Amino acid sequence: MNIYLIGMPGCGKSTVGKTLAKKSEYQYVDLDKYIETKNSKTIPDIFNEVGEVGFRQLEQDALKDFSEKDNYIVSCGGGIISNSENKKLMNGKVIYIDVPIKSLKKRLASDAANARPMFKTKTVEELYKERKDQYNYFMDYKVYNHRVNDCVKKILELVSEKMKKILVINGPNLNMLGKRDENQYGAKTLEDIYNMIKAENYFEYEFFQSNHEGAIIDKIQQYKCDAIIINAGAYTHTSIALHDCLEIVKVPKVEVHLSDVDNREDFRKVNFIRSVCDKTISGLREQSYIEAIKYLKKTL
C-alpha cells in the first residue's frame, strides 16, 4: 500500500511527507521532482513546451509508475486531481492535507510562488475554489496541517489502525438529491453528503445506494461492518422485509432522514424500521448523517 498526499500548493505536502517517511517504513517521493528527473526538464519548462495538457499526461504517466509499487509516500502536485482517472491509479490511502486560505497565502508569499505555473493566471482563492470539491472526491481522509508533527501523527493513526467500518445505505430516489425539493431535502447531492461523511475520520466507510428493495436487503445480509447508517427513503414506510432483515443484523444501526418525516404527510409517519434500529435522527438534512457518526463514535 502507498500513501498519497494531495492538497493545495503550500499546504505542506513535502514537509509532511518527508517527516512521515522518517517515522515509518515508507519511502518518500515528490512526484513533481520525479517528473523533472524522468524528463530532464523543470516543471516550468515542461509547461512552456507542452502546456498544462501535456504536463498532466506526464503527471499521469509518473503516477502509473508507482501504481504497482508498494510502501511509498507520494507527494502529489496540487493539480493531480484535475483528472478524475488518476484516482484509480492511487493504490493505497489518499490523504487530503487542508490548510486555511490565509495560511496558504502566507506560505506562498515566501515560497517562490511565481515559479508555480498555475499562479500565473489564477489567485490562491480562485484555485482553491476550483479544486476543493475534487480534493474531497479523491480523499480517503482529510487532515488539517496546523503543525507538522500533529499532522504526521494523525496520518500514522489513520493508516496504521484497523478502523471500524460503517456501511452507509441510501434507498430509493436519494441518488436524485440536488434535484428534489430543497425545502425538505436540502441542496446537497448524495456525492456531497458522501464527501462530508468521509471528512469525519473516525471510521472507514462503505457507501451503497439502490432504488431496489431486494438489492438493499441483499447488501445488508452480506454485511461485513461494525455498524450501519441507513436512510431507507420511501421503504421506511412500506417495507416489512427491510424490517425483518435489519432485525437479524446484530450491529448498531442508525436510521437517518434528511426531512422531518414525523411532521410530514400521514403516510410518512408509518415507520417499519425504527423499532429495529438503535437510534433515529431526522430533520437535520445532511447533518443527520454527521450526527449519526457522532452517535456511533460514542457507541463503538
C-alpha atoms as a PDB file:
ATOM      1  CA  MET A   1       0.000   0.000   0.000  1.00  0.00           C
ATOM      2  CA  ASN A   2       1.131   3.542  -0.793  1.00  0.00           C
ATOM      3  CA  ILE A   3       0.164   6.799   0.891  1.00  0.00           C
ATOM      4  CA  TYR A   4      -0.744   9.634  -1.491  1.00  0.00           C
ATOM      5  CA  LEU A   5      -0.667  13.205  -0.191  1.00  0.00           C
ATOM      6  CA  ILE A   6      -2.857  15.691  -2.055  1.00  0.00           C
ATOM      7  CA  GLY A   7      -3.693  19.333  -1.427  1.00  0.00           C
ATOM      8  CA  MET A   8      -3.064  22.889  -2.499  1.00  0.00           C
ATOM      9  CA  PRO A   9       0.432  24.207  -3.230  1.00  0.00           C
ATOM     10  CA  GLY A  10       1.802  25.437   0.078  1.00  0.00           C
ATOM     11  CA  CYS A  11      -0.226  23.059   2.249  1.00  0.00           C
ATOM     12  CA  GLY A  12       2.961  21.297   3.382  1.00  0.00           C
ATOM     13  CA  LYS A  13       2.794  18.000   1.479  1.00  0.00           C
ATOM     14  CA  SER A  14       6.576  17.812   1.042  1.00  0.00           C
ATOM     15  CA  THR A  15       7.436  18.605   4.656  1.00  0.00           C
ATOM     16  CA  VAL A  16       4.745  16.270   5.980  1.00  0.00           C
ATOM     17  CA  GLY A  17       5.779  13.523   3.553  1.00  0.00           C
ATOM     18  CA  LYS A  18       9.463  13.655   4.468  1.00  0.00           C
ATOM     19  CA  THR A  19       8.677  13.681   8.200  1.00  0.00           C
ATOM     20  CA  LEU A  20       6.220  10.833   7.730  1.00  0.00           C
ATOM     21  CA  ALA A  21       8.855   8.757   5.928  1.00  0.00           C
ATOM     22  CA  LYS A  22      11.322   9.238   8.799  1.00  0.00           C
ATOM     23  CA  LYS A  23       8.759   7.943  11.280  1.00  0.00           C
ATOM     24  CA  SER A  24       7.622   4.963   9.212  1.00  0.00           C
ATOM     25  CA  GLU A  25       8.882   2.246   6.882  1.00  0.00           C
ATOM     26  CA  TYR A  26       7.704   4.111   3.787  1.00  0.00           C
ATOM     27  CA  GLN A  27       9.963   5.699   1.152  1.00  0.00           C
ATOM     28  CA  TYR A  28       9.270   9.293   0.197  1.00  0.00           C
ATOM     29  CA  VAL A  29       8.941  10.621  -3.363  1.00  0.00           C
ATOM     30  CA  ASP A  30       7.952  14.061  -4.620  1.00  0.00           C
ATOM     31  CA  LEU A  31       6.015  13.373  -7.825  1.00  0.00           C
ATOM     32  CA  ASP A  32       6.891  16.736  -9.403  1.00  0.00           C
ATOM     33  CA  LYS A  33      10.618  16.168  -8.810  1.00  0.00           C
ATOM     34  CA  TYR A  34      10.245  12.632 -10.148  1.00  0.00           C
ATOM     35  CA  ILE A  35       8.693  14.067 -13.339  1.00  0.00           C
ATOM     36  CA  GLU A  36      11.537  16.580 -13.672  1.00  0.00           C
ATOM     37  CA  THR A  37      14.176  13.856 -13.297  1.00  0.00           C
ATOM     38  CA  LYS A  38      12.367  11.479 -15.641  1.00  0.00           C
ATOM     39  CA  ASN A  39      12.046  14.131 -18.364  1.00  0.00           C
ATOM     40  CA  SER A  40      15.286  16.052 -17.641  1.00  0.00           C
ATOM     41  CA  LYS A  41      13.322  19.309 -17.525  1.00  0.00           C
ATOM     42  CA  THR A  42      11.885  21.590 -14.871  1.00  0.00           C
ATOM     43  CA  ILE A  43       8.136  21.804 -14.380  1.00  0.00           C
ATOM     44  CA  PRO A  44       8.019  25.429 -15.694  1.00  0.00           C
ATOM     45  CA  ASP A  45       9.958  24.337 -18.805  1.00  0.00           C
ATOM     46  CA  ILE A  46       7.548  21.452 -19.369  1.00  0.00           C
ATOM     47  CA  PHE A  47       4.588  23.831 -19.082  1.00  0.00           C
ATOM     48  CA  ASN A  48       6.230  26.228 -21.541  1.00  0.00           C
ATOM     49  CA  GLU A  49       6.878  23.460 -24.064  1.00  0.00           C
ATOM     50  CA  VAL A  50       3.729  21.300 -23.920  1.00  0.00           C
ATOM     51  CA  GLY A  51       1.275  23.338 -21.852  1.00  0.00           C
ATOM     52  CA  GLU A  52      -0.858  22.108 -18.987  1.00  0.00           C
ATOM     53  CA  VAL A  53      -2.465  19.327 -21.046  1.00  0.00           C
ATOM     54  CA  GLY A  54       0.928  17.872 -21.914  1.00  0.00           C
ATOM     55  CA  PHE A  55       2.137  18.164 -18.341  1.00  0.00           C
ATOM     56  CA  ARG A  56      -0.976  16.401 -16.993  1.00  0.00           C
ATOM     57  CA  GLN A  57      -0.249  13.447 -19.266  1.00  0.00           C
ATOM     58  CA  LEU A  58       3.338  13.240 -17.980  1.00  0.00           C
ATOM     59  CA  GLU A  59       1.952  13.515 -14.453  1.00  0.00           C
ATOM     60  CA  GLN A  60      -0.412  10.596 -15.049  1.00  0.00           C
ATOM     61  CA  ASP A  61       2.407   8.534 -16.563  1.00  0.00           C
ATOM     62  CA  ALA A  62       4.502   9.193 -13.448  1.00  0.00           C
ATOM     63  CA  LEU A  63       1.592   8.171 -11.224  1.00  0.00           C
ATOM     64  CA  LYS A  64       1.310   4.887 -13.165  1.00  0.00           C
ATOM     65  CA  ASP A  65       4.949   4.171 -12.337  1.00  0.00           C
ATOM     66  CA  PHE A  66       4.007   3.967  -8.653  1.00  0.00           C
ATOM     67  CA  SER A  67       0.635   2.230  -9.053  1.00  0.00           C
ATOM     68  CA  GLU A  68       2.347  -1.178  -8.992  1.00  0.00           C
ATOM     69  CA  LYS A  69       4.877  -0.285  -6.295  1.00  0.00           C
ATOM     70  CA  ASP A  70       4.445  -0.541  -2.556  1.00  0.00           C
ATOM     71  CA  ASN A  71       5.368   1.347   0.616  1.00  0.00           C
ATOM     72  CA  TYR A  72       5.805   4.773  -0.955  1.00  0.00           C
ATOM     73  CA  ILE A  73       4.672   8.137   0.338  1.00  0.00           C
ATOM     74  CA  VAL A  74       3.853  10.013  -2.864  1.00  0.00           C
ATOM     75  CA  SER A  75       3.604  13.787  -2.526  1.00  0.00           C
ATOM     76  CA  CYS A  76       1.439  14.796  -5.482  1.00  0.00           C
ATOM     77  CA  GLY A  77       1.260  18.109  -7.281  1.00  0.00           C
ATOM     78  CA  GLY A  78      -1.692  20.311  -6.390  1.00  0.00           C
ATOM     79  CA  GLY A  79      -3.416  19.653  -9.725  1.00  0.00           C
ATOM     80  CA  ILE A  80      -3.242  15.844  -9.662  1.00  0.00           C
ATOM     81  CA  ILE A  81      -6.998  15.897  -9.023  1.00  0.00           C
ATOM     82  CA  SER A  82      -7.749  17.665 -12.321  1.00  0.00           C
ATOM     83  CA  ASN A  83      -8.077  14.251 -13.992  1.00  0.00           C
ATOM     84  CA  SER A  84     -10.529  12.008 -12.128  1.00  0.00           C
ATOM     85  CA  GLU A  85      -8.930   8.934 -13.752  1.00  0.00           C
ATOM     86  CA  ASN A  86      -5.880   9.486 -11.541  1.00  0.00           C
ATOM     87  CA  LYS A  87      -7.889   8.338  -8.535  1.00  0.00           C
ATOM     88  CA  LYS A  88      -7.935   4.796  -9.966  1.00  0.00           C
ATOM     89  CA  LEU A  89      -4.130   4.771 -10.070  1.00  0.00           C
ATOM     90  CA  MET A  90      -3.725   5.522  -6.372  1.00  0.00           C
ATOM     91  CA  ASN A  91      -3.236   2.078  -4.850  1.00  0.00           C
ATOM     92  CA  GLY A  92      -3.479   2.978  -1.199  1.00  0.00           C
ATOM     93  CA  LYS A  93      -4.735   5.690   1.114  1.00  0.00           C
ATOM     94  CA  VAL A  94      -5.232   9.217  -0.205  1.00  0.00           C
ATOM     95  CA  ILE A  95      -4.721  11.900   2.430  1.00  0.00           C
ATOM     96  CA  TYR A  96      -6.009  15.404   1.721  1.00  0.00           C
ATOM     97  CA  ILE A  97      -3.902  17.932   3.633  1.00  0.00           C
ATOM     98  CA  ASP A  98      -6.004  21.028   4.151  1.00  0.00           C
ATOM     99  CA  VAL A  99      -4.841  24.461   5.293  1.00  0.00           C
ATOM    100  CA  PRO A 100      -6.810  27.728   5.696  1.00  0.00           C
ATOM    101  CA  ILE A 101      -6.530  30.166   2.776  1.00  0.00           C
ATOM    102  CA  LYS A 102      -4.801  32.771   4.968  1.00  0.00           C
ATOM    103  CA  SER A 103      -2.072  30.296   5.879  1.00  0.00           C
ATOM    104  CA  LEU A 104      -1.650  29.230   2.254  1.00  0.00           C
ATOM    105  CA  LYS A 105      -1.185  32.811   1.097  1.00  0.00           C
ATOM    106  CA  LYS A 106       1.324  33.498   3.849  1.00  0.00           C
ATOM    107  CA  ARG A 107       3.347  30.390   2.997  1.00  0.00           C
ATOM    108  CA  LEU A 108       3.256  31.016  -0.742  1.00  0.00           C
ATOM    109  CA  ALA A 109       4.344  34.621  -0.317  1.00  0.00           C
ATOM    110  CA  SER A 110       7.689  33.383   0.971  1.00  0.00           C
ATOM    111  CA  ASP A 111       7.879  30.381  -1.332  1.00  0.00           C
ATOM    112  CA  ALA A 112       8.796  31.481  -4.849  1.00  0.00           C
ATOM    113  CA  ALA A 113       5.124  31.369  -5.771  1.00  0.00           C
ATOM    114  CA  ASN A 114       5.840  32.930  -9.135  1.00  0.00           C
ATOM    115  CA  ALA A 115       7.688  29.761 -10.134  1.00  0.00           C
ATOM    116  CA  ARG A 116       4.428  27.785  -9.947  1.00  0.00           C
ATOM    117  CA  PRO A 117       2.811  27.856 -13.410  1.00  0.00           C
ATOM    118  CA  MET A 118      -0.812  27.834 -12.212  1.00  0.00           C
ATOM    119  CA  PHE A 119      -0.377  31.059 -10.249  1.00  0.00           C
ATOM    120  CA  LYS A 120       0.454  32.995 -13.393  1.00  0.00           C
ATOM    121  CA  THR A 121      -3.241  33.079 -14.313  1.00  0.00           C
ATOM    122  CA  LYS A 122      -5.133  32.433 -11.047  1.00  0.00           C
ATOM    123  CA  THR A 123      -5.158  33.617  -7.451  1.00  0.00           C
ATOM    124  CA  VAL A 124      -4.873  31.282  -4.486  1.00  0.00           C
ATOM    125  CA  GLU A 125      -8.577  31.798  -3.736  1.00  0.00           C
ATOM    126  CA  GLU A 126      -9.619  31.018  -7.316  1.00  0.00           C
ATOM    127  CA  LEU A 127      -7.525  27.875  -7.454  1.00  0.00           C
ATOM    128  CA  TYR A 128      -8.773  26.638  -4.064  1.00  0.00           C
ATOM    129  CA  LYS A 129     -12.414  27.200  -5.018  1.00  0.00           C
ATOM    130  CA  GLU A 130     -11.845  25.398  -8.312  1.00  0.00           C
ATOM    131  CA  ARG A 131     -10.169  22.375  -6.745  1.00  0.00           C
ATOM    132  CA  LYS A 132     -11.692  21.798  -3.300  1.00  0.00           C
ATOM    133  CA  ASP A 133     -14.539  19.538  -4.469  1.00  0.00           C
ATOM    134  CA  GLN A 134     -12.093  17.346  -6.383  1.00  0.00           C
ATOM    135  CA  TYR A 135      -9.820  17.075  -3.345  1.00  0.00           C
ATOM    136  CA  ASN A 136     -12.839  15.850  -1.367  1.00  0.00           C
ATOM    137  CA  TYR A 137     -13.676  13.378  -4.145  1.00  0.00           C
ATOM    138  CA  PHE A 138     -10.163  11.891  -4.220  1.00  0.00           C
ATOM    139  CA  MET A 139      -9.508  11.694  -0.494  1.00  0.00           C
ATOM    140  CA  ASP A 140      -9.918   8.798   1.888  1.00  0.00           C
ATOM    141  CA  TYR A 141      -9.149  11.068   4.841  1.00  0.00           C
ATOM    142  CA  LYS A 142      -8.738  14.780   5.452  1.00  0.00           C
ATOM    143  CA  VAL A 143      -6.051  16.039   7.845  1.00  0.00           C
ATOM    144  CA  TYR A 144      -5.506  19.664   8.841  1.00  0.00           C
ATOM    145  CA  ASN A 145      -1.883  20.773   8.832  1.00  0.00           C
ATOM    146  CA  HIS A 146      -1.708  23.284  11.674  1.00  0.00           C
ATOM    147  CA  ARG A 147       1.515  21.736  12.955  1.00  0.00           C
ATOM    148  CA  VAL A 148       3.590  19.224  11.010  1.00  0.00           C
ATOM    149  CA  ASN A 149       4.184  16.770  13.857  1.00  0.00           C
ATOM    150  CA  ASP A 150       0.489  16.707  14.781  1.00  0.00           C
ATOM    151  CA  CYS A 151      -0.418  16.199  11.125  1.00  0.00           C
ATOM    152  CA  VAL A 152       2.061  13.322  10.775  1.00  0.00           C
ATOM    153  CA  LYS A 153       0.823  11.699  13.989  1.00  0.00           C
ATOM    154  CA  LYS A 154      -2.766  11.806  12.734  1.00  0.00           C
ATOM    155  CA  ILE A 155      -1.839  10.289   9.361  1.00  0.00           C
ATOM    156  CA  LEU A 156       0.045   7.457  11.045  1.00  0.00           C
ATOM    157  CA  GLU A 157      -3.004   6.746  13.187  1.00  0.00           C
ATOM    158  CA  LEU A 158      -5.277   6.696  10.153  1.00  0.00           C
ATOM    159  CA  VAL A 159      -3.162   4.373   8.024  1.00  0.00           C
ATOM    160  CA  SER A 160      -1.940   2.006  10.760  1.00  0.00           C
ATOM    161  CA  GLU A 161      -5.002   1.378  12.896  1.00  0.00           C
ATOM    162  CA  LYS A 162      -7.684  -1.075  11.867  1.00  0.00           C
ATOM    163  CA  MET A 163     -10.571   1.345  11.765  1.00  0.00           C
ATOM    164  CA  LYS A 164     -14.115   0.231  12.368  1.00  0.00           C
ATOM    165  CA  LYS A 165     -16.186   0.040   9.211  1.00  0.00           C
ATOM    166  CA  ILE A 166     -19.530   1.754   8.747  1.00  0.00           C
ATOM    167  CA  LEU A 167     -21.921   0.720   5.975  1.00  0.00           C
ATOM    168  CA  VAL A 168     -23.890   3.771   4.801  1.00  0.00           C
ATOM    169  CA  ILE A 169     -27.019   2.726   2.894  1.00  0.00           C
ATOM    170  CA  ASN A 170     -29.291   5.047   0.940  1.00  0.00           C
ATOM    171  CA  GLY A 171     -32.570   3.944  -0.562  1.00  0.00           C
ATOM    172  CA  PRO A 172     -34.796   4.958  -3.485  1.00  0.00           C
ATOM    173  CA  ASN A 173     -34.566   8.430  -5.059  1.00  0.00           C
ATOM    174  CA  LEU A 174     -31.706   9.552  -2.834  1.00  0.00           C
ATOM    175  CA  ASN A 175     -29.491   9.428  -5.916  1.00  0.00           C
ATOM    176  CA  MET A 176     -31.596  12.389  -7.098  1.00  0.00           C
ATOM    177  CA  LEU A 177     -30.674  14.684  -4.221  1.00  0.00           C
ATOM    178  CA  GLY A 178     -29.898  18.149  -5.531  1.00  0.00           C
ATOM    179  CA  LYS A 179     -32.913  17.915  -7.826  1.00  0.00           C
ATOM    180  CA  ARG A 180     -35.547  17.191  -5.180  1.00  0.00           C
ATOM    181  CA  ASP A 181     -37.500  19.640  -3.004  1.00  0.00           C
ATOM    182  CA  GLU A 182     -34.785  21.731  -1.306  1.00  0.00           C
ATOM    183  CA  ASN A 183     -37.190  22.752   1.464  1.00  0.00           C
ATOM    184  CA  GLN A 184     -37.357  19.123   2.581  1.00  0.00           C
ATOM    185  CA  TYR A 185     -34.075  17.610   1.440  1.00  0.00           C
ATOM    186  CA  GLY A 186     -31.621  20.493   1.119  1.00  0.00           C
ATOM    187  CA  ALA A 187     -29.431  21.363  -1.870  1.00  0.00           C
ATOM    188  CA  LYS A 188     -26.618  18.835  -1.330  1.00  0.00           C
ATOM    189  CA  THR A 189     -26.173  15.945  -3.749  1.00  0.00           C
ATOM    190  CA  LEU A 190     -25.569  12.422  -2.479  1.00  0.00           C
ATOM    191  CA  GLU A 191     -21.919  12.753  -3.515  1.00  0.00           C
ATOM    192  CA  ASP A 192     -21.689  15.965  -1.461  1.00  0.00           C
ATOM    193  CA  ILE A 193     -23.005  14.061   1.549  1.00  0.00           C
ATOM    194  CA  TYR A 194     -20.545  11.208   0.982  1.00  0.00           C
ATOM    195  CA  ASN A 195     -17.683  13.717   0.932  1.00  0.00           C
ATOM    196  CA  MET A 196     -18.924  15.254   4.192  1.00  0.00           C
ATOM    197  CA  ILE A 197     -19.028  11.807   5.777  1.00  0.00           C
ATOM    198  CA  LYS A 198     -15.524  10.892   4.581  1.00  0.00           C
ATOM    199  CA  ALA A 199     -14.186  14.060   6.190  1.00  0.00           C
ATOM    200  CA  GLU A 200     -15.235  12.577   9.540  1.00  0.00           C
ATOM    201  CA  ASN A 201     -12.090  10.491  10.046  1.00  0.00           C
ATOM    202  CA  TYR A 202     -13.434   8.353  12.868  1.00  0.00           C
ATOM    203  CA  PHE A 203     -14.251   5.330  10.690  1.00  0.00           C
ATOM    204  CA  GLU A 204     -13.764   3.609   7.364  1.00  0.00           C
ATOM    205  CA  TYR A 205     -16.888   3.942   5.225  1.00  0.00           C
ATOM    206  CA  GLU A 206     -18.607   1.909   2.536  1.00  0.00           C
ATOM    207  CA  PHE A 207     -21.385   3.617   0.592  1.00  0.00           C
ATOM    208  CA  PHE A 208     -24.296   1.862  -1.097  1.00  0.00           C
ATOM    209  CA  GLN A 209     -27.366   3.297  -2.806  1.00  0.00           C
ATOM    210  CA  SER A 210     -30.123   1.467  -4.643  1.00  0.00           C
ATOM    211  CA  ASN A 211     -33.644   2.119  -5.855  1.00  0.00           C
ATOM    212  CA  HIS A 212     -34.456  -1.582  -5.425  1.00  0.00           C
ATOM    213  CA  GLU A 213     -35.697  -3.113  -2.178  1.00  0.00           C
ATOM    214  CA  GLY A 214     -34.152  -6.543  -2.832  1.00  0.00           C
ATOM    215  CA  ALA A 215     -30.721  -5.059  -3.595  1.00  0.00           C
ATOM    216  CA  ILE A 216     -30.726  -3.198  -0.268  1.00  0.00           C
ATOM    217  CA  ILE A 217     -31.741  -6.344   1.605  1.00  0.00           C
ATOM    218  CA  ASP A 218     -29.029  -8.382  -0.158  1.00  0.00           C
ATOM    219  CA  LYS A 219     -26.437  -5.768   0.807  1.00  0.00           C
ATOM    220  CA  ILE A 220     -27.451  -5.802   4.459  1.00  0.00           C
ATOM    221  CA  GLN A 221     -27.430  -9.627   4.560  1.00  0.00           C
ATOM    222  CA  GLN A 222     -23.893  -9.653   3.158  1.00  0.00           C
ATOM    223  CA  TYR A 223     -22.687  -7.063   5.659  1.00  0.00           C
ATOM    224  CA  LYS A 224     -19.097  -7.018   6.842  1.00  0.00           C
ATOM    225  CA  CYS A 225     -19.185  -3.939   9.009  1.00  0.00           C
ATOM    226  CA  ASP A 226     -19.259  -2.746  12.596  1.00  0.00           C
ATOM    227  CA  ALA A 227     -22.370  -0.571  12.235  1.00  0.00           C
ATOM    228  CA  ILE A 228     -24.971   0.580   9.706  1.00  0.00           C
ATOM    229  CA  ILE A 229     -26.322   4.035   8.911  1.00  0.00           C
ATOM    230  CA  ILE A 230     -29.451   3.698   6.791  1.00  0.00           C
ATOM    231  CA  ASN A 231     -31.703   6.177   5.048  1.00  0.00           C
ATOM    232  CA  ALA A 232     -34.247   3.797   3.581  1.00  0.00           C
ATOM    233  CA  GLY A 233     -36.187   6.572   1.849  1.00  0.00           C
ATOM    234  CA  ALA A 234     -39.739   5.547   0.956  1.00  0.00           C
ATOM    235  CA  TYR A 235     -39.071   1.930   2.006  1.00  0.00           C
ATOM    236  CA  THR A 236     -39.100   3.215   5.587  1.00  0.00           C
ATOM    237  CA  HIS A 237     -42.874   3.440   5.299  1.00  0.00           C
ATOM    238  CA  THR A 238     -43.588   0.308   3.253  1.00  0.00           C
ATOM    239  CA  SER A 239     -41.049  -2.475   3.760  1.00  0.00           C
ATOM    240  CA  ILE A 240     -41.700  -5.204   6.303  1.00  0.00           C
ATOM    241  CA  ALA A 241     -38.982  -7.185   4.538  1.00  0.00           C
ATOM    242  CA  LEU A 242     -36.443  -4.471   5.340  1.00  0.00           C
ATOM    243  CA  HIS A 243     -37.600  -4.500   8.970  1.00  0.00           C
ATOM    244  CA  ASP A 244     -37.033  -8.251   9.178  1.00  0.00           C
ATOM    245  CA  CYS A 245     -33.610  -8.007   7.560  1.00  0.00           C
ATOM    246  CA  LEU A 246     -32.386  -5.249   9.901  1.00  0.00           C
ATOM    247  CA  GLU A 247     -33.702  -7.176  12.890  1.00  0.00           C
ATOM    248  CA  ILE A 248     -31.404 -10.094  12.012  1.00  0.00           C
ATOM    249  CA  VAL A 249     -28.232  -7.995  11.801  1.00  0.00           C
ATOM    250  CA  LYS A 250     -26.627  -7.700  15.229  1.00  0.00           C
ATOM    251  CA  VAL A 251     -24.616  -4.484  14.877  1.00  0.00           C
ATOM    252  CA  PRO A 252     -25.550  -0.931  15.900  1.00  0.00           C
ATOM    253  CA  LYS A 253     -27.959   0.598  13.375  1.00  0.00           C
ATOM    254  CA  VAL A 254     -28.860   4.271  12.976  1.00  0.00           C
ATOM    255  CA  GLU A 255     -31.849   5.341  10.910  1.00  0.00           C
ATOM    256  CA  VAL A 256     -31.458   8.793   9.338  1.00  0.00           C
ATOM    257  CA  HIS A 257     -33.705  11.084   7.326  1.00  0.00           C
ATOM    258  CA  LEU A 258     -32.992  14.444   5.739  1.00  0.00           C
ATOM    259  CA  SER A 259     -36.506  15.739   6.339  1.00  0.00           C
ATOM    260  CA  ASP A 260     -38.610  15.646   9.498  1.00  0.00           C
ATOM    261  CA  VAL A 261     -40.694  12.634   8.497  1.00  0.00           C
ATOM    262  CA  ASP A 262     -42.716  12.669  11.726  1.00  0.00           C
ATOM    263  CA  ASN A 263     -44.183  16.037  10.822  1.00  0.00           C
ATOM    264  CA  ARG A 264     -44.952  15.441   7.152  1.00  0.00           C
ATOM    265  CA  GLU A 265     -47.741  13.549   5.375  1.00  0.00           C
ATOM    266  CA  ASP A 266     -49.592  10.910   7.374  1.00  0.00           C
ATOM    267  CA  PHE A 267     -48.232   8.045   5.262  1.00  0.00           C
ATOM    268  CA  ARG A 268     -44.665   9.081   6.167  1.00  0.00           C
ATOM    269  CA  LYS A 269     -45.478   8.732   9.858  1.00  0.00           C
ATOM    270  CA  VAL A 270     -45.699   4.962   9.344  1.00  0.00           C
ATOM    271  CA  ASN A 271     -42.246   3.562  10.087  1.00  0.00           C
ATOM    272  CA  PHE A 272     -41.376  -0.117   9.767  1.00  0.00           C
ATOM    273  CA  ILE A 273     -37.669   0.084  10.597  1.00  0.00           C
ATOM    274  CA  ARG A 274     -37.454   2.394  13.619  1.00  0.00           C
ATOM    275  CA  SER A 275     -38.155  -0.392  16.096  1.00  0.00           C
ATOM    276  CA  VAL A 276     -35.164  -2.428  14.881  1.00  0.00           C
ATOM    277  CA  CYS A 277     -32.693   0.491  14.836  1.00  0.00           C
ATOM    278  CA  ASP A 278     -30.795   1.749  17.875  1.00  0.00           C
ATOM    279  CA  LYS A 279     -31.274   5.425  17.049  1.00  0.00           C
ATOM    280  CA  THR A 280     -33.298   7.629  14.699  1.00  0.00           C
ATOM    281  CA  ILE A 281     -32.055  11.040  13.562  1.00  0.00           C
ATOM    282  CA  SER A 282     -34.219  13.120  11.235  1.00  0.00           C
ATOM    283  CA  GLY A 283     -34.977  16.643  10.115  1.00  0.00           C
ATOM    284  CA  LEU A 284     -31.374  17.902  10.060  1.00  0.00           C
ATOM    285  CA  ARG A 285     -30.831  17.440   6.306  1.00  0.00           C
ATOM    286  CA  GLU A 286     -27.271  16.315   5.564  1.00  0.00           C
ATOM    287  CA  GLN A 287     -26.278  16.963   9.191  1.00  0.00           C
ATOM    288  CA  SER A 288     -28.414  13.940  10.145  1.00  0.00           C
ATOM    289  CA  TYR A 289     -25.633  11.703   8.811  1.00  0.00           C
ATOM    290  CA  ILE A 290     -22.943  13.555  10.766  1.00  0.00           C
ATOM    291  CA  GLU A 291     -24.963  13.245  13.973  1.00  0.00           C
ATOM    292  CA  ALA A 292     -25.282   9.519  13.277  1.00  0.00           C
ATOM    293  CA  ILE A 293     -21.489   9.262  13.062  1.00  0.00           C
ATOM    294  CA  LYS A 294     -21.117  11.139  16.349  1.00  0.00           C
ATOM    295  CA  TYR A 295     -23.555   8.712  17.967  1.00  0.00           C
ATOM    296  CA  LEU A 296     -21.642   5.701  16.634  1.00  0.00           C
ATOM    297  CA  LYS A 297     -18.351   7.144  17.816  1.00  0.00           C
ATOM    298  CA  LYS A 298     -19.673   7.056  21.372  1.00  0.00           C
ATOM    299  CA  THR A 299     -21.388   3.685  20.909  1.00  0.00           C
ATOM    300  CA  LEU A 300     -18.490   1.832  19.298  1.00  0.00           C
END
